[in-house]
Amino acid sequence: MNKPILVIMAAGMGSRYGGLKQIDPVGQNGEIILDYSLFDARRAGFERAVIVIKKENEALFREVVGDRASRFMEIRYAYQDLLDLPEGFQVPEGRVKPWGTGHAILAARELVDAPFCAINADDFYGENAFRLAYEHLTSLKDDGDVAMVGYLLKNTLSETGSVARGVCELDENQQLTGLNERTHIISTVDGPLMTEDGETYTRLSPEAVVSMNMWAFPRQMMDALKAQFPLFLEKEVPANPMKAEFFLPMAVDTEMKQGRAHVTVKTTPDKWYGVTYSADKQQVVDAIRLMGENGRYPMPLWEA
């Protein structure tokens, strides 16, 4: 079996954030969040990474990321393109929105020849998460043996605004039985609250396990995405041609329901950091500086 690959989704623009947050520096020496993911992945055991980007941003990513990290691991690029559709399908007239996270992973299909870990470029996951993913990918039991690295809800909230999280339902063996998308969760002094209508709020347990879109997949998941995508285009797009998205968790759920995959949730106690809103950035900068001062990361990060 070929060694596991890290696949990083970096093609999306941060609409709520107000720019290309994937390359916004957060480290003391100009490091971006993606640098820390690559660094943590490398010390967990990953030696190869595929970064999924928009083609027009390639030069920028190569300048910001490639020169530093490529000295320590193999970095390749894949391109998410709205026109990358199966034969017989066309982009609906007027659509500019990308096809979603499932399509982003599918964009890397020609470069992935091994089990792979999928992550977002703009999420700070922490070293432990990559170790959990790598350990799973190097001990797969079968072609449907999927893992999701979960976080405690209380460790993923923003003090700036609401967040969307997939709240996990687990059985006694830490197997995922359901994933409930909650699109509006806020942090309060008494714990997290969620609402669906903006008026009625329901309390959520701060200990609830949530998905931050970090998955560990057998190589066969790429084949599953390739098979599912045309069905999505046939069934979902006609009803919502401008905004329908092929989400990665939705694809995993389909594989689970059809008995082709089972998902083990491996929960990390680490705090997640991200920049959903521009005002979140300083919290991330401060946290990373403290981790550096405490010896968790070298400063600068990619020093020889």
Protein backbone atom coordinates (compact mmCIF):
# COMPACT_ATOMS: atom_id res chain seq x y z
CA MET A 1 0.00 0.00 0.00
CA ASN A 2 1.31 3.43 -0.92
CA LYS A 3 1.86 5.86 1.95
CA PRO A 4 -1.09 8.09 2.89
CA ILE A 5 -1.57 11.44 1.19
CA LEU A 6 -2.85 14.70 2.64
CA VAL A 7 -5.46 16.40 0.43
CA ILE A 8 -6.10 20.04 1.27
CA MET A 9 -9.15 21.96 0.09
CA ALA A 10 -7.99 25.51 -0.62
CA ALA A 11 -10.07 26.61 -3.59
CA GLY A 12 -12.82 28.47 -1.73
CA MET A 13 -12.84 32.19 -1.14
CA GLY A 14 -13.77 33.26 2.40
CA SER A 15 -16.96 35.26 1.80
CA ARG A 16 -17.67 35.97 5.46
CA TYR A 17 -14.00 36.61 6.10
CA GLY A 18 -13.65 39.06 3.24
CA GLY A 19 -10.77 37.68 1.20
CA LEU A 20 -8.44 34.81 0.43
CA LYS A 21 -7.98 33.80 4.05
CA GLN A 22 -6.03 30.66 3.14
CA ILE A 23 -2.90 32.79 2.61
CA ASP A 24 -3.37 35.36 5.36
CA PRO A 25 -0.33 35.20 7.69
CA VAL A 26 -0.94 34.18 11.32
CA GLY A 27 2.58 33.20 12.42
CA GLN A 28 5.32 35.46 13.71
CA ASN A 29 7.40 34.87 10.57
CA GLY A 30 4.66 35.10 7.97
CA GLU A 31 3.37 31.52 8.31
CA ILE A 32 -0.20 30.83 7.24
CA ILE A 33 -2.54 28.27 8.82
CA LEU A 34 -1.77 25.86 5.98
CA ASP A 35 1.91 25.91 6.97
CA TYR A 36 0.99 24.53 10.38
CA SER A 37 -1.20 21.82 8.88
CA LEU A 38 1.62 20.73 6.57
CA PHE A 39 4.12 20.83 9.43
CA ASP A 40 1.89 18.81 11.76
CA ALA A 41 1.07 16.35 8.98
CA ARG A 42 4.76 15.84 8.19
CA ARG A 43 5.69 15.04 11.78
CA ALA A 44 2.69 12.69 11.98
CA GLY A 45 4.12 10.73 9.04
CA PHE A 46 2.65 12.22 5.85
CA GLU A 47 5.23 12.72 3.10
CA ARG A 48 2.98 13.86 0.26
CA ALA A 49 0.33 16.56 -0.02
CA VAL A 50 -2.04 17.65 -2.76
CA ILE A 51 -3.41 21.19 -2.46
CA VAL A 52 -6.67 21.79 -4.34
CA ILE A 53 -6.80 25.39 -5.56
CA LYS A 54 -8.23 27.59 -8.27
CA LYS A 55 -5.88 27.59 -11.25
CA GLU A 56 -5.61 31.38 -11.18
CA ASN A 57 -4.19 31.25 -7.64
CA GLU A 58 -1.42 28.74 -8.41
CA ALA A 59 1.48 31.21 -8.62
CA LEU A 60 0.41 32.77 -5.33
CA PHE A 61 0.19 29.43 -3.52
CA ARG A 62 3.52 28.26 -4.91
CA GLU A 63 5.15 31.45 -3.68
CA VAL A 64 3.52 31.42 -0.25
CA VAL A 65 3.53 27.67 0.51
CA GLY A 66 5.57 25.65 -1.93
CA ASP A 67 9.01 27.11 -1.42
CA ARG A 68 8.92 26.56 2.34
CA ALA A 69 7.16 23.25 2.78
CA SER A 70 8.42 21.53 -0.38
CA ARG A 71 11.87 21.15 1.22
CA PHE A 72 10.32 18.73 3.70
CA MET A 73 7.53 16.98 1.78
CA GLU A 74 6.26 16.54 -1.76
CA ILE A 75 3.70 19.22 -2.65
CA ARG A 76 1.49 18.94 -5.73
CA TYR A 77 -1.46 20.98 -6.92
CA ALA A 78 -4.88 20.05 -8.30
CA TYR A 79 -7.38 22.50 -9.71
CA GLN A 80 -11.06 22.77 -8.85
CA ASP A 81 -12.82 24.00 -11.96
CA LEU A 82 -16.53 24.65 -12.45
CA LEU A 83 -16.20 23.15 -15.94
CA ASP A 84 -14.77 19.85 -14.60
CA LEU A 85 -17.94 17.83 -15.18
CA PRO A 86 -18.67 14.29 -16.35
CA GLU A 87 -19.43 13.84 -20.03
CA GLY A 88 -22.93 14.94 -20.91
CA PHE A 89 -23.27 17.65 -18.25
CA GLN A 90 -22.96 21.43 -18.57
CA VAL A 91 -22.67 24.29 -16.11
CA PRO A 92 -26.08 25.97 -15.68
CA GLU A 93 -26.13 29.36 -17.35
CA GLY A 94 -25.17 32.06 -14.87
CA ARG A 95 -23.67 29.73 -12.24
CA VAL A 96 -20.37 30.89 -10.71
CA LYS A 97 -20.46 29.03 -7.38
CA PRO A 98 -18.07 26.04 -7.07
CA TRP A 99 -19.57 22.56 -6.85
CA GLY A 100 -18.65 21.99 -3.18
CA THR A 101 -16.21 20.04 -1.03
CA GLY A 102 -16.96 16.65 -2.58
CA HIS A 103 -16.07 18.07 -5.98
CA ALA A 104 -12.93 19.68 -4.50
CA ILE A 105 -11.65 16.28 -3.37
CA LEU A 106 -12.61 14.78 -6.73
CA ALA A 107 -10.40 17.38 -8.40
CA ALA A 108 -7.38 15.56 -6.92
CA ARG A 109 -8.39 12.15 -8.30
CA GLU A 110 -5.47 11.82 -10.75
CA LEU A 111 -2.92 12.56 -8.01
CA VAL A 112 -4.26 10.29 -5.27
CA ASP A 113 -3.03 6.68 -5.45
CA ALA A 114 -3.25 5.85 -1.74
CA PRO A 115 -5.42 6.30 1.35
CA PHE A 116 -5.83 9.99 2.05
CA CYS A 117 -6.69 12.53 4.71
CA ALA A 118 -8.93 15.42 3.62
CA ILE A 119 -8.83 18.78 5.40
CA ASN A 120 -9.76 22.42 4.94
CA ALA A 121 -6.88 24.81 4.25
CA ASP A 122 -8.11 27.48 6.65
CA ASP A 123 -8.63 25.34 9.76
CA PHE A 124 -5.95 24.85 12.43
CA TYR A 125 -6.40 21.23 13.50
CA GLY A 126 -3.40 20.62 15.77
CA GLU A 127 -0.74 17.89 15.78
CA ASN A 128 -2.83 15.25 17.56
CA ALA A 129 -5.50 15.29 14.85
CA PHE A 130 -2.99 14.42 12.13
CA ARG A 131 -1.53 11.61 14.22
CA LEU A 132 -5.01 10.12 14.67
CA ALA A 133 -5.66 10.33 10.93
CA TYR A 134 -2.30 8.87 9.95
CA GLU A 135 -2.62 5.98 12.39
CA HIS A 136 -6.00 5.12 10.92
CA LEU A 137 -4.80 5.32 7.32
CA THR A 138 -1.89 2.98 8.00
CA SER A 139 -4.10 0.32 9.60
CA LEU A 140 -7.18 0.18 7.36
CA LYS A 141 -9.35 -2.89 7.82
CA ASP A 142 -11.24 -2.76 4.53
CA ASP A 143 -12.23 -0.52 1.59
CA GLY A 144 -15.01 1.11 3.59
CA ASP A 145 -12.97 1.86 6.71
CA VAL A 146 -13.38 5.62 7.10
CA ALA A 147 -12.44 7.76 10.10
CA MET A 148 -13.45 11.27 11.04
CA VAL A 149 -11.42 13.34 13.50
CA GLY A 150 -13.96 14.98 15.78
CA TYR A 151 -13.73 17.97 18.11
CA LEU A 152 -15.69 18.94 21.20
CA LEU A 153 -18.14 21.67 20.25
CA LYS A 154 -16.89 23.95 23.03
CA ASN A 155 -13.44 23.91 21.39
CA THR A 156 -14.68 25.05 17.97
CA LEU A 157 -16.80 28.13 18.62
CA SER A 158 -16.15 31.70 17.51
CA GLU A 159 -16.51 34.62 19.89
CA THR A 160 -17.17 36.84 16.89
CA GLY A 161 -20.28 35.33 15.33
CA SER A 162 -22.23 32.21 14.56
CA VAL A 163 -20.71 29.05 13.12
CA ALA A 164 -22.03 26.04 11.22
CA ARG A 165 -21.09 22.61 12.56
CA GLY A 166 -21.95 19.03 11.82
CA VAL A 167 -23.03 17.55 15.18
CA CYS A 168 -22.24 13.82 15.36
CA GLU A 169 -24.44 11.00 16.55
CA LEU A 170 -22.31 8.13 17.88
CA ASP A 171 -22.95 4.62 19.10
CA GLU A 172 -21.18 2.97 22.03
CA ASN A 173 -18.27 1.97 19.78
CA GLN A 174 -17.65 5.53 18.56
CA GLN A 175 -19.14 4.68 15.19
CA LEU A 176 -20.84 7.55 13.39
CA THR A 177 -24.56 6.90 13.03
CA GLY A 178 -25.65 10.38 11.95
CA LEU A 179 -24.39 13.89 11.25
CA ASN A 180 -26.77 16.78 11.87
CA GLU A 181 -25.83 20.00 10.11
CA ARG A 182 -26.47 22.95 12.43
CA THR A 183 -26.03 26.15 10.47
CA HIS A 184 -26.26 28.75 13.25
CA ILE A 185 -24.51 28.03 16.56
CA ILE A 186 -23.47 30.81 18.91
CA SER A 187 -21.27 30.87 21.99
CA THR A 188 -22.75 32.17 25.26
CA VAL A 189 -21.50 32.30 28.83
CA ASP A 190 -23.89 29.46 29.63
CA GLY A 191 -22.81 27.28 26.71
CA PRO A 192 -23.54 26.96 22.98
CA LEU A 193 -26.98 27.66 21.54
CA MET A 194 -28.35 26.80 18.11
CA THR A 195 -31.22 28.18 16.07
CA GLU A 196 -32.79 27.31 12.75
CA ASP A 197 -35.11 30.29 12.42
CA GLY A 198 -33.16 33.05 14.18
CA GLU A 199 -35.75 33.31 16.94
CA THR A 200 -36.00 30.02 18.81
CA TYR A 201 -32.77 28.80 20.43
CA THR A 202 -31.94 25.31 21.66
CA ARG A 203 -29.07 24.51 24.01
CA LEU A 204 -26.38 22.13 22.79
CA SER A 205 -23.97 20.20 24.97
CA PRO A 206 -20.51 21.78 24.97
CA GLU A 207 -19.19 18.19 24.98
CA ALA A 208 -21.00 17.30 21.75
CA VAL A 209 -18.63 15.94 19.11
CA VAL A 210 -18.61 17.91 15.87
CA SER A 211 -17.03 17.51 12.47
CA MET A 212 -14.49 20.05 11.23
CA ASN A 213 -14.21 18.32 7.86
CA MET A 214 -11.15 16.23 8.66
CA TRP A 215 -11.58 12.77 7.17
CA ALA A 216 -9.37 9.72 6.73
CA PHE A 217 -10.39 7.75 3.65
CA PRO A 218 -9.36 4.57 1.86
CA ARG A 219 -8.40 5.28 -1.77
CA GLN A 220 -11.74 3.78 -2.79
CA MET A 221 -13.56 6.88 -1.51
CA MET A 222 -12.31 8.69 -4.59
CA ASP A 223 -14.12 6.13 -6.75
CA ALA A 224 -17.27 6.62 -4.67
CA LEU A 225 -17.16 10.39 -5.24
CA LYS A 226 -16.68 9.84 -8.95
CA ALA A 227 -19.76 7.60 -9.02
CA GLN A 228 -21.91 9.89 -6.87
CA PHE A 229 -21.18 13.20 -8.59
CA PRO A 230 -23.22 12.52 -11.78
CA LEU A 231 -26.17 11.48 -9.60
CA PHE A 232 -25.92 14.78 -7.73
CA LEU A 233 -25.88 16.67 -11.02
CA GLU A 234 -28.96 14.79 -12.20
CA LYS A 235 -31.04 15.00 -9.02
CA GLU A 236 -30.00 18.10 -7.06
CA VAL A 237 -28.86 20.70 -9.56
CA PRO A 238 -32.11 21.08 -11.56
CA ALA A 239 -33.93 22.16 -8.38
CA ASN A 240 -31.22 24.64 -7.36
CA PRO A 241 -28.98 25.31 -10.36
CA MET A 242 -27.13 28.31 -8.93
CA LYS A 243 -26.33 27.06 -5.43
CA ALA A 244 -26.61 23.25 -5.11
CA GLU A 245 -23.36 21.81 -3.72
CA PHE A 246 -21.89 18.33 -3.62
CA PHE A 247 -20.77 18.23 0.01
CA LEU A 248 -18.19 15.73 1.22
CA PRO A 249 -20.16 14.75 4.38
CA MET A 250 -23.22 14.16 2.19
CA ALA A 251 -21.20 11.78 0.04
CA VAL A 252 -19.93 9.94 3.12
CA ASP A 253 -23.48 9.67 4.44
CA THR A 254 -24.59 8.12 1.15
CA GLU A 255 -21.85 5.50 1.36
CA MET A 256 -22.84 4.72 4.95
CA LYS A 257 -26.54 4.36 4.14
CA GLN A 258 -25.76 2.01 1.27
CA GLY A 259 -23.53 -0.12 3.45
CA ARG A 260 -20.31 0.63 1.61
CA ALA A 261 -18.64 2.59 4.41
CA HIS A 262 -18.47 2.71 8.19
CA VAL A 263 -17.05 5.71 10.02
CA THR A 264 -15.10 5.63 13.27
CA VAL A 265 -14.98 8.98 15.08
CA LYS A 266 -11.64 9.70 16.73
CA THR A 267 -12.09 12.66 19.05
CA THR A 268 -9.23 15.00 19.83
CA PRO A 269 -9.30 17.17 22.97
CA ASP A 270 -7.34 19.91 21.20
CA LYS A 271 -8.81 23.31 20.51
CA TRP A 272 -9.61 24.11 16.89
CA TYR A 273 -8.72 27.53 15.54
CA GLY A 274 -10.04 29.21 12.44
CA VAL A 275 -10.82 32.52 10.84
CA THR A 276 -14.48 32.36 9.97
CA TYR A 277 -14.62 36.14 10.45
CA SER A 278 -11.80 38.67 10.04
CA ALA A 279 -12.10 39.55 13.73
CA ASP A 280 -11.15 35.94 14.59
CA LYS A 281 -7.64 36.41 13.22
CA GLN A 282 -6.07 37.99 16.31
CA GLN A 283 -7.18 35.09 18.51
CA VAL A 284 -5.48 32.68 16.11
CA VAL A 285 -2.32 34.80 15.98
CA ASP A 286 -2.15 34.96 19.78
CA ALA A 287 -2.74 31.22 20.20
CA ILE A 288 -0.08 30.27 17.67
CA ARG A 289 2.44 32.66 19.21
CA LEU A 290 1.83 31.08 22.63
CA MET A 291 2.26 27.57 21.19
CA GLY A 292 5.56 28.67 19.70
CA GLU A 293 6.72 30.17 22.97
CA ASN A 294 5.79 26.92 24.73
CA GLY A 295 7.90 24.89 22.32
CA ARG A 296 5.12 23.20 20.36
CA TYR A 297 6.37 24.75 17.12
CA PRO A 298 9.78 26.05 16.07
CA MET A 299 10.00 29.76 15.30
CA PRO A 300 10.33 30.23 12.36
CA LEU A 301 8.30 27.13 11.57
CA TRP A 302 10.26 25.72 8.63
CA GLU A 303 13.74 26.28 9.99
CA ALA A 304 16.17 23.63 8.78
